[in-house]
Amino acid sequence: EQSALVAYTANSKHGKPSTFEEQVLHAQHLVDMGTTIINAAKAVGLAPEYVAKMVGAVKVERLCELAGVDVSSLPRFTRARLFNLRDHDVVTRVARSLINAGIHDANEVNDIVVNVNKFRTSSTRDVFLDEWEASLADRVTETLSGARKGRGGLVPQAAIKSALKSLIMYAQPGIAVNAATFALIDDAVSALSNLVEKEA
């Protein structure tokens, strides 16, 4: 740990200036080797609060990777915020749902983290998560329904994009698709096929 800390400090003083990404990677490496966040932040010239968030983001990435969830599409600060969830299984579950629904809004992510952490028992928390995930599915269904009826200000490309996101979402294990939702997705995919044929 000490040798790595000394080596990075020396390189930063006498070598070429480090890029921001290099600073983050070096800070993570130092923390992995046992350096405190405060000392790692001091060594690379970043604020401890920022290093703590980046360390949290990396821990979420590693945790989700073990569960087979690719979080690369989530912004770094979203990954860092998910680290504040208390249960590892909940981290991967929420991350998967956010990705499937295409949610990147920081306020929405913050709300779900705050609300989930309010629950003291896993049973009540899981009921809340079930309802939240159902609301995400309903939101997608409403979007597709609006596209099907020609309402909501959606252009065809947006409708197709929503449909493809839905296909990915409903392909996940444990998520049921009712007949109405399937019909909406099927219509949008047909529209995509027709568009491809016209382009060809």
Protein backbone atom coordinates (compact mmCIF):
# COMPACT_ATOMS: atom_id res chain seq x y z
CA GLU A 1 0.00 0.00 0.00
CA GLN A 2 2.68 2.49 1.07
CA SER A 3 4.90 1.76 -1.95
CA ALA A 4 2.02 2.31 -4.37
CA LEU A 5 1.14 5.57 -2.64
CA VAL A 6 4.74 6.81 -2.81
CA ALA A 7 5.14 5.69 -6.42
CA TYR A 8 2.01 7.50 -7.63
CA THR A 9 2.88 10.65 -5.69
CA ALA A 10 6.38 10.68 -7.22
CA ASN A 11 5.10 10.06 -10.74
CA SER A 12 2.53 12.83 -10.46
CA LYS A 13 5.18 15.29 -9.35
CA HIS A 14 7.89 14.41 -11.85
CA GLY A 15 6.05 12.83 -14.79
CA LYS A 16 3.47 14.17 -17.21
CA PRO A 17 0.22 15.47 -15.64
CA SER A 18 -2.40 12.78 -15.06
CA THR A 19 -5.74 12.96 -16.85
CA PHE A 20 -8.92 13.01 -14.80
CA GLU A 21 -9.68 9.38 -15.68
CA GLU A 22 -6.16 8.37 -14.64
CA GLN A 23 -6.64 10.13 -11.30
CA VAL A 24 -9.87 8.23 -10.70
CA LEU A 25 -8.27 4.89 -11.66
CA HIS A 26 -5.24 5.52 -9.46
CA ALA A 27 -7.45 6.47 -6.53
CA GLN A 28 -9.45 3.27 -6.97
CA HIS A 29 -6.24 1.23 -7.17
CA LEU A 30 -4.94 2.79 -3.97
CA VAL A 31 -8.20 2.10 -2.15
CA ASP A 32 -8.17 -1.50 -3.41
CA MET A 33 -4.72 -1.88 -1.89
CA GLY A 34 -5.92 -0.66 1.48
CA THR A 35 -5.28 3.08 1.36
CA THR A 36 -7.95 5.16 3.05
CA ILE A 37 -10.20 7.26 0.83
CA ILE A 38 -8.80 10.43 2.38
CA ASN A 39 -5.19 9.45 1.67
CA ALA A 40 -5.99 8.19 -1.82
CA ALA A 41 -7.81 11.43 -2.61
CA LYS A 42 -4.89 13.48 -1.31
CA ALA A 43 -2.42 11.47 -3.40
CA VAL A 44 -4.28 11.98 -6.67
CA GLY A 45 -5.49 15.52 -6.01
CA LEU A 46 -9.23 14.88 -5.89
CA ALA A 47 -11.81 15.71 -3.22
CA PRO A 48 -12.38 12.83 -0.75
CA GLU A 49 -16.15 13.08 -1.29
CA TYR A 50 -15.69 12.56 -5.01
CA VAL A 51 -13.30 9.63 -4.55
CA ALA A 52 -15.81 8.03 -2.16
CA LYS A 53 -18.53 8.26 -4.83
CA MET A 54 -16.27 6.78 -7.49
CA VAL A 55 -15.27 3.94 -5.19
CA GLY A 56 -18.97 3.29 -4.58
CA ALA A 57 -19.64 3.27 -8.33
CA VAL A 58 -16.90 0.69 -8.92
CA LYS A 59 -18.22 -1.51 -6.10
CA VAL A 60 -21.67 -1.44 -7.71
CA GLU A 61 -20.14 -2.37 -11.08
CA ARG A 62 -18.33 -5.34 -9.54
CA LEU A 63 -21.36 -6.45 -7.57
CA CYS A 64 -23.65 -6.27 -10.60
CA GLU A 65 -21.11 -8.04 -12.80
CA LEU A 66 -21.22 -11.02 -10.43
CA ALA A 67 -25.01 -11.05 -10.85
CA GLY A 68 -24.78 -10.83 -14.63
CA VAL A 69 -26.01 -7.24 -14.83
CA ASP A 70 -24.13 -4.86 -17.15
CA VAL A 71 -24.39 -1.37 -15.67
CA SER A 72 -22.18 0.36 -18.24
CA SER A 73 -25.22 2.19 -19.65
CA LEU A 74 -25.88 3.87 -16.28
CA PRO A 75 -24.08 7.16 -15.62
CA ARG A 76 -21.22 6.93 -13.13
CA PHE A 77 -23.01 9.04 -10.53
CA THR A 78 -26.10 6.84 -10.82
CA ARG A 79 -23.94 3.81 -10.05
CA ALA A 80 -22.45 5.69 -7.12
CA ARG A 81 -25.92 6.53 -5.78
CA LEU A 82 -26.99 2.88 -5.97
CA PHE A 83 -24.15 2.03 -3.60
CA ASN A 84 -26.22 3.73 -0.89
CA LEU A 85 -28.77 0.92 -1.05
CA ARG A 86 -28.26 -1.28 2.00
CA ASP A 87 -28.74 -4.73 0.47
CA HIS A 88 -26.57 -6.16 -2.32
CA ASP A 89 -29.47 -8.05 -3.89
CA VAL A 90 -31.49 -4.84 -3.97
CA VAL A 91 -28.61 -3.03 -5.69
CA THR A 92 -28.59 -5.50 -8.57
CA ARG A 93 -32.39 -5.63 -8.75
CA VAL A 94 -32.81 -1.85 -8.90
CA ALA A 95 -29.91 -1.50 -11.35
CA ARG A 96 -31.48 -4.08 -13.67
CA SER A 97 -34.87 -2.36 -13.53
CA LEU A 98 -33.37 1.08 -14.22
CA ILE A 99 -31.49 -0.27 -17.22
CA ASN A 100 -34.47 -2.14 -18.61
CA ALA A 101 -36.70 0.92 -18.31
CA GLY A 102 -34.02 3.26 -19.69
CA ILE A 103 -34.13 5.51 -16.62
CA HIS A 104 -31.16 7.85 -16.17
CA ASP A 105 -32.82 10.78 -14.43
CA ALA A 106 -30.83 11.59 -11.28
CA ASN A 107 -33.87 12.72 -9.30
CA GLU A 108 -35.80 9.55 -10.08
CA VAL A 109 -32.81 7.40 -9.10
CA ASN A 110 -32.39 9.34 -5.87
CA ASP A 111 -36.08 8.94 -5.04
CA ILE A 112 -36.01 5.17 -5.43
CA VAL A 113 -32.87 4.88 -3.25
CA VAL A 114 -34.39 7.03 -0.51
CA ASN A 115 -37.72 5.19 -0.59
CA VAL A 116 -36.18 1.72 -0.57
CA ASN A 117 -33.96 2.56 2.38
CA LYS A 118 -36.99 3.60 4.44
CA PHE A 119 -38.09 -0.02 4.82
CA ARG A 120 -36.84 -1.96 7.81
CA THR A 121 -38.02 -5.40 6.72
CA SER A 122 -37.23 -7.20 3.48
CA SER A 123 -40.86 -8.27 3.02
CA THR A 124 -42.28 -4.73 2.96
CA ARG A 125 -39.34 -3.53 0.87
CA ASP A 126 -39.92 -6.27 -1.69
CA VAL A 127 -43.61 -5.37 -1.94
CA PHE A 128 -42.60 -1.77 -2.68
CA LEU A 129 -40.10 -2.91 -5.32
CA ASP A 130 -42.71 -5.16 -6.94
CA GLU A 131 -45.08 -2.20 -7.19
CA TRP A 132 -42.34 0.09 -8.50
CA GLU A 133 -41.33 -2.39 -11.20
CA ALA A 134 -45.00 -2.84 -12.16
CA SER A 135 -45.30 0.94 -12.53
CA LEU A 136 -42.30 0.92 -14.88
CA ALA A 137 -44.01 -1.74 -17.01
CA ASP A 138 -47.23 0.32 -17.01
CA ARG A 139 -45.28 3.39 -18.10
CA VAL A 140 -43.86 1.51 -21.08
CA THR A 141 -47.29 0.15 -21.96
CA GLU A 142 -48.79 3.66 -21.89
CA THR A 143 -46.02 4.94 -24.14
CA LEU A 144 -46.63 2.19 -26.67
CA SER A 145 -50.39 2.67 -26.43
CA GLY A 146 -50.01 6.35 -27.23
CA ALA A 147 -47.84 5.50 -30.20
CA ARG A 148 -50.35 2.95 -31.43
CA LYS A 149 -53.21 5.47 -31.28
CA GLY A 150 -51.12 8.26 -32.79
CA ARG A 151 -51.23 10.39 -29.64
CA GLY A 152 -48.68 11.76 -27.21
CA GLY A 153 -46.56 13.64 -29.75
CA LEU A 154 -44.41 10.58 -30.47
CA VAL A 155 -42.67 10.34 -33.81
CA PRO A 156 -42.46 6.83 -35.30
CA GLN A 157 -38.77 6.51 -34.45
CA ALA A 158 -39.47 7.26 -30.79
CA ALA A 159 -42.28 4.72 -30.72
CA ILE A 160 -40.03 2.06 -32.21
CA LYS A 161 -37.25 2.86 -29.76
CA SER A 162 -39.71 2.51 -26.87
CA ALA A 163 -40.90 -0.82 -28.25
CA LEU A 164 -37.38 -2.21 -28.47
CA LYS A 165 -36.66 -1.11 -24.90
CA SER A 166 -39.82 -2.91 -23.88
CA LEU A 167 -38.74 -6.09 -25.62
CA ILE A 168 -35.50 -6.03 -23.65
CA MET A 169 -37.37 -5.35 -20.41
CA TYR A 170 -39.89 -8.12 -20.86
CA ALA A 171 -37.19 -10.61 -21.84
CA GLN A 172 -35.90 -10.57 -18.26
CA PRO A 173 -36.63 -13.56 -16.03
CA GLY A 174 -39.62 -13.21 -13.75
CA ILE A 175 -41.39 -10.47 -15.70
CA ALA A 176 -44.80 -11.42 -17.06
CA VAL A 177 -46.32 -9.93 -20.19
CA ASN A 178 -50.07 -9.59 -20.48
CA ALA A 179 -51.79 -9.97 -23.85
CA ALA A 180 -52.48 -6.25 -24.29
CA THR A 181 -48.86 -5.29 -23.70
CA PHE A 182 -47.63 -8.02 -26.03
CA ALA A 183 -49.98 -6.75 -28.76
CA LEU A 184 -48.62 -3.21 -28.40
CA ILE A 185 -45.04 -4.41 -28.63
CA ASP A 186 -45.92 -6.60 -31.61
CA ASP A 187 -47.48 -3.62 -33.41
CA ALA A 188 -44.39 -1.49 -32.86
CA VAL A 189 -42.05 -4.24 -34.04
CA SER A 190 -44.21 -4.64 -37.16
CA ALA A 191 -43.84 -0.89 -37.72
CA LEU A 192 -40.08 -1.30 -37.45
CA SER A 193 -40.15 -4.13 -40.02
CA ASN A 194 -42.18 -1.98 -42.41
CA LEU A 195 -39.76 0.92 -41.98
CA VAL A 196 -36.79 -1.33 -42.74
CA GLU A 197 -38.52 -2.67 -45.87
CA LYS A 198 -39.21 0.88 -47.10
CA GLU A 199 -35.59 1.93 -46.49
CA ALA A 200 -34.41 -1.14 -48.41
